[in-house]
């Protein structure tokens, strides 16, 4: 069974997403966060960035859209569940982080606009 190569539009969207994640990581570094993990995948979910600043560990979802409002509304319940599943695995592999303040952050990116970091943008289900 042959698989088709990704379309040009799909490749372009993937590259746009990778650039958005790199820009988000840079923004968070400037704000004093240390990137612990990028594109962490586990348990049917993916976390774009895991960052730490002081006693806080944040699981960051990066959303790149044509405008910031569209980006902000793009973290749906199913996505939050997938992030939470992956976060539970990440925490199991990094037991030191269980003592940290844990947060679900987001970075919203739109062309021609400054990126926007929203701390505690969504709730995590870590039970």
C-alpha atoms as a PDB file:
ATOM      1  CA  UNK A   1       0.000   0.000   0.000  1.00  0.00           C
ATOM      2  CA  UNK A   2       1.517   3.276  -1.126  1.00  0.00           C
ATOM      3  CA  UNK A   3       1.206   6.433   0.848  1.00  0.00           C
ATOM      4  CA  UNK A   4       0.998   9.737  -0.906  1.00  0.00           C
ATOM      5  CA  UNK A   5       3.580  12.358  -0.108  1.00  0.00           C
ATOM      6  CA  UNK A   6       2.190  15.314   1.790  1.00  0.00           C
ATOM      7  CA  UNK A   7       0.686  18.041  -0.343  1.00  0.00           C
ATOM      8  CA  UNK A   8       2.493  21.338  -0.740  1.00  0.00           C
ATOM      9  CA  UNK A   9      -0.136  23.035   1.429  1.00  0.00           C
ATOM     10  CA  UNK A  10       0.319  20.456   4.187  1.00  0.00           C
ATOM     11  CA  UNK A  11       4.120  20.814   4.074  1.00  0.00           C
ATOM     12  CA  UNK A  12       3.742  24.591   4.199  1.00  0.00           C
ATOM     13  CA  UNK A  13       1.413  24.367   7.218  1.00  0.00           C
ATOM     14  CA  UNK A  14       3.859  22.021   8.972  1.00  0.00           C
ATOM     15  CA  UNK A  15       6.762  24.426   8.385  1.00  0.00           C
ATOM     16  CA  UNK A  16       4.637  27.353   9.590  1.00  0.00           C
ATOM     17  CA  UNK A  17       3.912  25.386  12.775  1.00  0.00           C
ATOM     18  CA  UNK A  18       7.587  24.581  13.337  1.00  0.00           C
ATOM     19  CA  UNK A  19       8.525  28.248  12.902  1.00  0.00           C
ATOM     20  CA  UNK A  20       5.754  29.235  15.311  1.00  0.00           C
ATOM     21  CA  UNK A  21       7.083  26.791  17.924  1.00  0.00           C
ATOM     22  CA  UNK A  22      10.616  28.162  17.497  1.00  0.00           C
ATOM     23  CA  UNK A  23       9.323  31.731  17.883  1.00  0.00           C
ATOM     24  CA  UNK A  24       7.322  30.732  20.968  1.00  0.00           C
ATOM     25  CA  UNK A  25      10.408  29.100  22.518  1.00  0.00           C
ATOM     26  CA  UNK A  26      12.415  32.264  21.858  1.00  0.00           C
ATOM     27  CA  UNK A  27       9.705  34.454  23.415  1.00  0.00           C
ATOM     28  CA  UNK A  28       9.575  32.271  26.516  1.00  0.00           C
ATOM     29  CA  UNK A  29      13.377  32.262  26.856  1.00  0.00           C
ATOM     30  CA  UNK A  30      13.363  36.067  26.736  1.00  0.00           C
ATOM     31  CA  UNK A  31      10.757  35.998  29.523  1.00  0.00           C
ATOM     32  CA  UNK A  32      13.097  33.878  31.660  1.00  0.00           C
ATOM     33  CA  UNK A  33      11.768  30.379  30.976  1.00  0.00           C
ATOM     34  CA  UNK A  34      14.030  27.428  30.269  1.00  0.00           C
ATOM     35  CA  UNK A  35      12.841  24.999  27.599  1.00  0.00           C
ATOM     36  CA  UNK A  36      12.876  21.468  29.027  1.00  0.00           C
ATOM     37  CA  UNK A  37      11.287  19.655  26.104  1.00  0.00           C
ATOM     38  CA  UNK A  38      10.048  20.358  22.581  1.00  0.00           C
ATOM     39  CA  UNK A  39       7.401  18.359  20.731  1.00  0.00           C
ATOM     40  CA  UNK A  40       7.068  15.745  23.482  1.00  0.00           C
ATOM     41  CA  UNK A  41       4.822  12.908  22.287  1.00  0.00           C
ATOM     42  CA  UNK A  42       3.293  10.188  24.440  1.00  0.00           C
ATOM     43  CA  UNK A  43      -0.008   8.498  25.222  1.00  0.00           C
ATOM     44  CA  UNK A  44      -1.702   9.749  22.085  1.00  0.00           C
ATOM     45  CA  UNK A  45      -0.886  13.379  22.778  1.00  0.00           C
ATOM     46  CA  UNK A  46       1.792  15.942  22.121  1.00  0.00           C
ATOM     47  CA  UNK A  47       3.069  18.903  24.073  1.00  0.00           C
ATOM     48  CA  UNK A  48       4.621  21.616  21.936  1.00  0.00           C
ATOM     49  CA  UNK A  49       6.873  22.965  24.697  1.00  0.00           C
ATOM     50  CA  UNK A  50       7.571  22.124  28.314  1.00  0.00           C
ATOM     51  CA  UNK A  51       9.173  25.092  30.052  1.00  0.00           C
ATOM     52  CA  UNK A  52      10.283  26.008  33.544  1.00  0.00           C
ATOM     53  CA  UNK A  53      10.737  29.268  35.371  1.00  0.00           C
ATOM     54  CA  UNK A  54      11.494  29.094  39.069  1.00  0.00           C
ATOM     55  CA  UNK A  55       9.136  26.621  40.738  1.00  0.00           C
ATOM     56  CA  UNK A  56       6.681  26.574  37.804  1.00  0.00           C
ATOM     57  CA  UNK A  57       6.580  24.028  35.001  1.00  0.00           C
ATOM     58  CA  UNK A  58       4.295  24.940  32.113  1.00  0.00           C
ATOM     59  CA  UNK A  59       2.999  22.682  29.356  1.00  0.00           C
ATOM     60  CA  UNK A  60       2.712  25.075  26.438  1.00  0.00           C
ATOM     61  CA  UNK A  61       0.430  24.767  23.434  1.00  0.00           C
ATOM     62  CA  UNK A  62       1.503  26.913  20.486  1.00  0.00           C
ATOM     63  CA  UNK A  63      -1.248  28.041  18.139  1.00  0.00           C
ATOM     64  CA  UNK A  64      -0.474  29.817  14.892  1.00  0.00           C
ATOM     65  CA  UNK A  65      -3.429  31.195  12.972  1.00  0.00           C
ATOM     66  CA  UNK A  66      -4.235  34.071  10.662  1.00  0.00           C
ATOM     67  CA  UNK A  67      -5.335  36.178  13.622  1.00  0.00           C
ATOM     68  CA  UNK A  68      -4.855  36.010  17.385  1.00  0.00           C
ATOM     69  CA  UNK A  69      -8.559  35.513  18.157  1.00  0.00           C
ATOM     70  CA  UNK A  70      -8.664  32.421  15.945  1.00  0.00           C
ATOM     71  CA  UNK A  71      -5.521  31.121  17.641  1.00  0.00           C
ATOM     72  CA  UNK A  72      -6.967  31.674  21.107  1.00  0.00           C
ATOM     73  CA  UNK A  73     -10.123  29.718  20.311  1.00  0.00           C
ATOM     74  CA  UNK A  74      -8.219  26.783  18.812  1.00  0.00           C
ATOM     75  CA  UNK A  75      -7.448  24.883  22.040  1.00  0.00           C
ATOM     76  CA  UNK A  76     -10.450  22.572  22.080  1.00  0.00           C
ATOM     77  CA  UNK A  77     -11.423  20.132  24.840  1.00  0.00           C
ATOM     78  CA  UNK A  78     -10.074  17.124  22.931  1.00  0.00           C
ATOM     79  CA  UNK A  79      -6.709  18.878  22.524  1.00  0.00           C
ATOM     80  CA  UNK A  80      -6.607  19.693  26.253  1.00  0.00           C
ATOM     81  CA  UNK A  81      -7.241  16.007  27.053  1.00  0.00           C
ATOM     82  CA  UNK A  82      -4.411  14.923  24.738  1.00  0.00           C
ATOM     83  CA  UNK A  83      -2.028  17.453  26.268  1.00  0.00           C
ATOM     84  CA  UNK A  84      -3.021  16.283  29.763  1.00  0.00           C
ATOM     85  CA  UNK A  85      -2.347  12.626  28.859  1.00  0.00           C
ATOM     86  CA  UNK A  86       1.082  13.504  27.495  1.00  0.00           C
ATOM     87  CA  UNK A  87       1.776  15.711  30.544  1.00  0.00           C
ATOM     88  CA  UNK A  88       1.053  12.785  32.886  1.00  0.00           C
ATOM     89  CA  UNK A  89       3.654  10.698  31.015  1.00  0.00           C
ATOM     90  CA  UNK A  90       6.150  13.575  31.049  1.00  0.00           C
ATOM     91  CA  UNK A  91       5.667  13.964  34.810  1.00  0.00           C
ATOM     92  CA  UNK A  92       6.133  10.215  35.350  1.00  0.00           C
ATOM     93  CA  UNK A  93       9.461  10.464  33.507  1.00  0.00           C
ATOM     94  CA  UNK A  94      10.445  13.624  35.409  1.00  0.00           C
ATOM     95  CA  UNK A  95       9.359  12.941  39.011  1.00  0.00           C
ATOM     96  CA  UNK A  96      11.209  16.004  40.332  1.00  0.00           C
ATOM     97  CA  UNK A  97       8.539  18.157  38.628  1.00  0.00           C
ATOM     98  CA  UNK A  98       5.721  16.778  40.797  1.00  0.00           C
ATOM     99  CA  UNK A  99       6.698  19.341  43.444  1.00  0.00           C
ATOM    100  CA  UNK A 100       6.473  22.232  40.971  1.00  0.00           C
ATOM    101  CA  UNK A 101       3.494  24.436  40.268  1.00  0.00           C
ATOM    102  CA  UNK A 102       2.046  22.936  37.068  1.00  0.00           C
ATOM    103  CA  UNK A 103       0.299  25.050  34.477  1.00  0.00           C
ATOM    104  CA  UNK A 104      -1.210  24.843  30.998  1.00  0.00           C
ATOM    105  CA  UNK A 105       0.042  27.861  29.050  1.00  0.00           C
ATOM    106  CA  UNK A 106      -0.425  28.929  25.452  1.00  0.00           C
ATOM    107  CA  UNK A 107       1.449  31.076  22.991  1.00  0.00           C
ATOM    108  CA  UNK A 108      -0.652  32.537  20.194  1.00  0.00           C
ATOM    109  CA  UNK A 109       1.041  33.596  16.984  1.00  0.00           C
ATOM    110  CA  UNK A 110      -0.376  35.449  13.990  1.00  0.00           C
ATOM    111  CA  UNK A 111       1.423  36.976  11.005  1.00  0.00           C
ATOM    112  CA  UNK A 112       2.343  40.614  11.481  1.00  0.00           C
ATOM    113  CA  UNK A 113       1.539  40.564  15.208  1.00  0.00           C
ATOM    114  CA  UNK A 114       3.668  40.124  18.289  1.00  0.00           C
ATOM    115  CA  UNK A 115       3.282  36.667  19.842  1.00  0.00           C
ATOM    116  CA  UNK A 116       1.073  36.542  22.920  1.00  0.00           C
ATOM    117  CA  UNK A 117       1.891  34.315  25.911  1.00  0.00           C
ATOM    118  CA  UNK A 118      -1.077  33.482  28.084  1.00  0.00           C
ATOM    119  CA  UNK A 119      -0.190  31.857  31.409  1.00  0.00           C
ATOM    120  CA  UNK A 120      -2.765  29.360  32.711  1.00  0.00           C
ATOM    121  CA  UNK A 121      -4.606  29.470  29.373  1.00  0.00           C
ATOM    122  CA  UNK A 122      -6.221  26.082  29.959  1.00  0.00           C
ATOM    123  CA  UNK A 123      -6.619  23.616  32.787  1.00  0.00           C
ATOM    124  CA  UNK A 124      -4.722  20.351  32.965  1.00  0.00           C
ATOM    125  CA  UNK A 125      -6.299  17.077  34.084  1.00  0.00           C
ATOM    126  CA  UNK A 126      -3.378  15.344  35.766  1.00  0.00           C
ATOM    127  CA  UNK A 127      -5.318  12.864  37.933  1.00  0.00           C
END
